[in-house]
Amino acid sequence: MKGMRCPHCERMFFYRMVHDIPTFPFCSERCKLVDLGAWLDEKYRIEEPVSAEALKELEKKERREHG
């Protein structure tokens, strides 16, 4: 059996195959939903620098949409 810690509560849990645990990589449905809530509340985010070209495209799009 393999073991790992839940990324939310850090409880150790064991499994034979990833498919055996529908909440993987979380130990429970509760931990899975708490993590989802953190993403929805924007407590987690994936950030990357915005290039000058991407910024210009966003500005053009904004002007088209809002006049």
N, C-alpha and C. Protein backbone atom coordinates (compact mmCIF):
# COMPACT_ATOMS: atom_id res chain seq x y z
N MET A 1 0.83 -1.19 0.00
CA MET A 1 0.00 0.00 0.00
C MET A 1 0.87 1.25 0.00
N LYS A 2 0.36 2.26 -0.65
CA LYS A 2 1.05 3.54 -0.69
C LYS A 2 0.41 4.47 0.32
N GLY A 3 1.18 5.40 0.80
CA GLY A 3 0.65 6.37 1.75
C GLY A 3 1.07 7.78 1.37
N MET A 4 0.25 8.73 1.78
CA MET A 4 0.58 10.14 1.56
C MET A 4 -0.18 10.99 2.56
N ARG A 5 0.22 12.23 2.67
CA ARG A 5 -0.47 13.17 3.55
C ARG A 5 -1.44 14.01 2.74
N CYS A 6 -2.60 14.25 3.31
CA CYS A 6 -3.61 15.10 2.69
C CYS A 6 -3.04 16.52 2.58
N PRO A 7 -3.13 17.16 1.42
CA PRO A 7 -2.58 18.51 1.28
C PRO A 7 -3.32 19.55 2.12
N HIS A 8 -4.52 19.23 2.58
CA HIS A 8 -5.26 20.20 3.40
C HIS A 8 -5.02 19.99 4.89
N CYS A 9 -5.36 18.82 5.40
CA CYS A 9 -5.28 18.58 6.86
C CYS A 9 -3.99 17.87 7.28
N GLU A 10 -3.24 17.39 6.32
CA GLU A 10 -1.97 16.69 6.54
C GLU A 10 -2.12 15.34 7.23
N ARG A 11 -3.35 14.81 7.26
CA ARG A 11 -3.57 13.47 7.81
C ARG A 11 -2.97 12.44 6.86
N MET A 12 -2.33 11.44 7.40
CA MET A 12 -1.76 10.37 6.59
C MET A 12 -2.87 9.41 6.20
N PHE A 13 -2.92 9.04 4.92
CA PHE A 13 -3.89 8.03 4.49
C PHE A 13 -3.21 7.09 3.51
N PHE A 14 -3.79 5.90 3.37
CA PHE A 14 -3.18 4.86 2.56
C PHE A 14 -4.13 4.40 1.47
N TYR A 15 -3.58 3.96 0.36
CA TYR A 15 -4.38 3.51 -0.77
C TYR A 15 -3.58 2.52 -1.59
N ARG A 16 -4.27 1.72 -2.37
CA ARG A 16 -3.59 0.79 -3.29
C ARG A 16 -3.39 1.44 -4.64
N MET A 17 -4.48 2.03 -5.14
CA MET A 17 -4.43 2.73 -6.42
C MET A 17 -5.16 4.06 -6.27
N VAL A 18 -4.72 5.05 -7.01
CA VAL A 18 -5.34 6.37 -6.96
C VAL A 18 -6.84 6.28 -7.20
N HIS A 19 -7.25 5.39 -8.08
CA HIS A 19 -8.67 5.25 -8.43
C HIS A 19 -9.51 4.72 -7.27
N ASP A 20 -8.85 4.18 -6.25
CA ASP A 20 -9.57 3.67 -5.08
C ASP A 20 -10.15 4.79 -4.21
N ILE A 21 -9.60 5.99 -4.34
CA ILE A 21 -10.02 7.11 -3.49
C ILE A 21 -10.58 8.22 -4.38
N PRO A 22 -11.91 8.39 -4.40
CA PRO A 22 -12.51 9.40 -5.28
C PRO A 22 -12.13 10.84 -4.92
N THR A 23 -11.63 11.06 -3.72
CA THR A 23 -11.25 12.42 -3.31
C THR A 23 -9.76 12.68 -3.46
N PHE A 24 -9.02 11.75 -4.05
CA PHE A 24 -7.57 11.89 -4.18
C PHE A 24 -7.21 13.21 -4.84
N PRO A 25 -6.26 13.96 -4.36
CA PRO A 25 -5.24 13.66 -3.36
C PRO A 25 -5.64 14.01 -1.94
N PHE A 26 -6.91 14.27 -1.72
CA PHE A 26 -7.39 14.62 -0.39
C PHE A 26 -7.87 13.36 0.33
N CYS A 27 -7.85 13.41 1.67
CA CYS A 27 -8.24 12.24 2.45
C CYS A 27 -9.75 12.09 2.56
N SER A 28 -10.49 13.18 2.32
CA SER A 28 -11.94 13.13 2.51
C SER A 28 -12.64 14.14 1.60
N GLU A 29 -13.94 13.98 1.48
CA GLU A 29 -14.75 14.93 0.71
C GLU A 29 -14.68 16.32 1.34
N ARG A 30 -14.66 16.36 2.67
CA ARG A 30 -14.58 17.64 3.37
C ARG A 30 -13.31 18.40 2.98
N CYS A 31 -12.16 17.73 3.04
CA CYS A 31 -10.90 18.40 2.68
C CYS A 31 -10.91 18.84 1.22
N LYS A 32 -11.49 18.03 0.37
CA LYS A 32 -11.59 18.38 -1.05
C LYS A 32 -12.42 19.65 -1.23
N LEU A 33 -13.56 19.74 -0.53
CA LEU A 33 -14.43 20.91 -0.65
C LEU A 33 -13.84 22.16 0.00
N VAL A 34 -13.13 21.99 1.11
CA VAL A 34 -12.47 23.13 1.74
C VAL A 34 -11.43 23.71 0.79
N ASP A 35 -10.68 22.85 0.12
CA ASP A 35 -9.68 23.31 -0.85
C ASP A 35 -10.35 24.02 -2.02
N LEU A 36 -11.44 23.47 -2.53
CA LEU A 36 -12.17 24.11 -3.62
C LEU A 36 -12.66 25.49 -3.18
N GLY A 37 -13.17 25.59 -1.97
CA GLY A 37 -13.63 26.88 -1.45
C GLY A 37 -12.51 27.90 -1.39
N ALA A 38 -11.31 27.47 -1.04
CA ALA A 38 -10.16 28.38 -0.99
C ALA A 38 -9.85 28.91 -2.39
N TRP A 39 -9.93 28.05 -3.41
CA TRP A 39 -9.73 28.51 -4.79
C TRP A 39 -10.81 29.51 -5.18
N LEU A 40 -12.07 29.20 -4.84
CA LEU A 40 -13.17 30.08 -5.21
C LEU A 40 -13.11 31.42 -4.48
N ASP A 41 -12.57 31.43 -3.27
CA ASP A 41 -12.39 32.67 -2.52
C ASP A 41 -11.12 33.40 -2.92
N GLU A 42 -10.42 32.87 -3.91
CA GLU A 42 -9.17 33.43 -4.44
C GLU A 42 -8.06 33.50 -3.39
N LYS A 43 -8.07 32.54 -2.46
CA LYS A 43 -6.97 32.45 -1.51
C LYS A 43 -5.74 31.85 -2.18
N TYR A 44 -5.97 31.06 -3.20
CA TYR A 44 -4.89 30.52 -4.03
C TYR A 44 -5.01 31.18 -5.39
N ARG A 45 -3.89 31.36 -6.03
CA ARG A 45 -3.94 31.86 -7.40
C ARG A 45 -2.65 31.49 -8.11
N ILE A 46 -2.76 31.40 -9.40
CA ILE A 46 -1.60 31.13 -10.23
C ILE A 46 -1.25 32.45 -10.90
N GLU A 47 -0.09 32.96 -10.58
CA GLU A 47 0.31 34.25 -11.11
C GLU A 47 1.49 34.08 -12.05
N GLU A 48 1.50 34.93 -13.05
CA GLU A 48 2.64 34.98 -13.95
C GLU A 48 2.77 36.41 -14.43
N PRO A 49 3.96 36.84 -14.76
CA PRO A 49 4.14 38.20 -15.25
C PRO A 49 3.36 38.41 -16.55
N VAL A 50 2.78 39.60 -16.71
CA VAL A 50 2.04 39.93 -17.92
C VAL A 50 2.99 40.65 -18.87
N SER A 51 3.13 40.12 -20.07
CA SER A 51 4.01 40.75 -21.05
C SER A 51 3.37 42.03 -21.58
N ALA A 52 4.18 42.92 -22.14
CA ALA A 52 3.68 44.17 -22.71
C ALA A 52 2.69 43.87 -23.84
N GLU A 53 2.98 42.85 -24.63
CA GLU A 53 2.10 42.48 -25.74
C GLU A 53 0.74 42.00 -25.22
N ALA A 54 0.74 41.18 -24.21
CA ALA A 54 -0.51 40.68 -23.64
C ALA A 54 -1.31 41.83 -23.03
N LEU A 55 -0.63 42.77 -22.39
CA LEU A 55 -1.30 43.93 -21.80
C LEU A 55 -1.97 44.78 -22.88
N LYS A 56 -1.28 44.99 -24.00
CA LYS A 56 -1.87 45.75 -25.11
C LYS A 56 -3.11 45.06 -25.65
N GLU A 57 -3.06 43.74 -25.77
CA GLU A 57 -4.22 42.99 -26.26
C GLU A 57 -5.40 43.12 -25.30
N LEU A 58 -5.13 43.06 -24.01
CA LEU A 58 -6.20 43.23 -23.02
C LEU A 58 -6.82 44.62 -23.10
N GLU A 59 -5.98 45.64 -23.29
CA GLU A 59 -6.48 47.01 -23.41
C GLU A 59 -7.33 47.17 -24.66
N LYS A 60 -6.91 46.58 -25.77
CA LYS A 60 -7.70 46.64 -27.01
C LYS A 60 -9.05 45.98 -26.81
N LYS A 61 -9.04 44.82 -26.18
CA LYS A 61 -10.29 44.09 -25.94
C LYS A 61 -11.22 44.91 -25.05
N GLU A 62 -10.67 45.53 -24.03
CA GLU A 62 -11.48 46.36 -23.12
C GLU A 62 -12.11 47.54 -23.88
N ARG A 63 -11.33 48.18 -24.75
CA ARG A 63 -11.87 49.31 -25.53
C ARG A 63 -12.99 48.86 -26.45
N ARG A 64 -12.82 47.70 -27.07
CA ARG A 64 -13.87 47.19 -27.98
C ARG A 64 -15.15 46.89 -27.21
N GLU A 65 -15.01 46.32 -26.03
CA GLU A 65 -16.18 45.92 -25.25
C GLU A 65 -16.87 47.10 -24.57
N HIS A 66 -16.11 48.11 -24.19
CA HIS A 66 -16.69 49.21 -23.41
C HIS A 66 -16.63 50.56 -24.11
N GLY A 67 -16.21 50.55 -25.36
CA GLY A 67 -16.21 51.78 -26.15
C GLY A 67 -15.17 52.71 -25.84
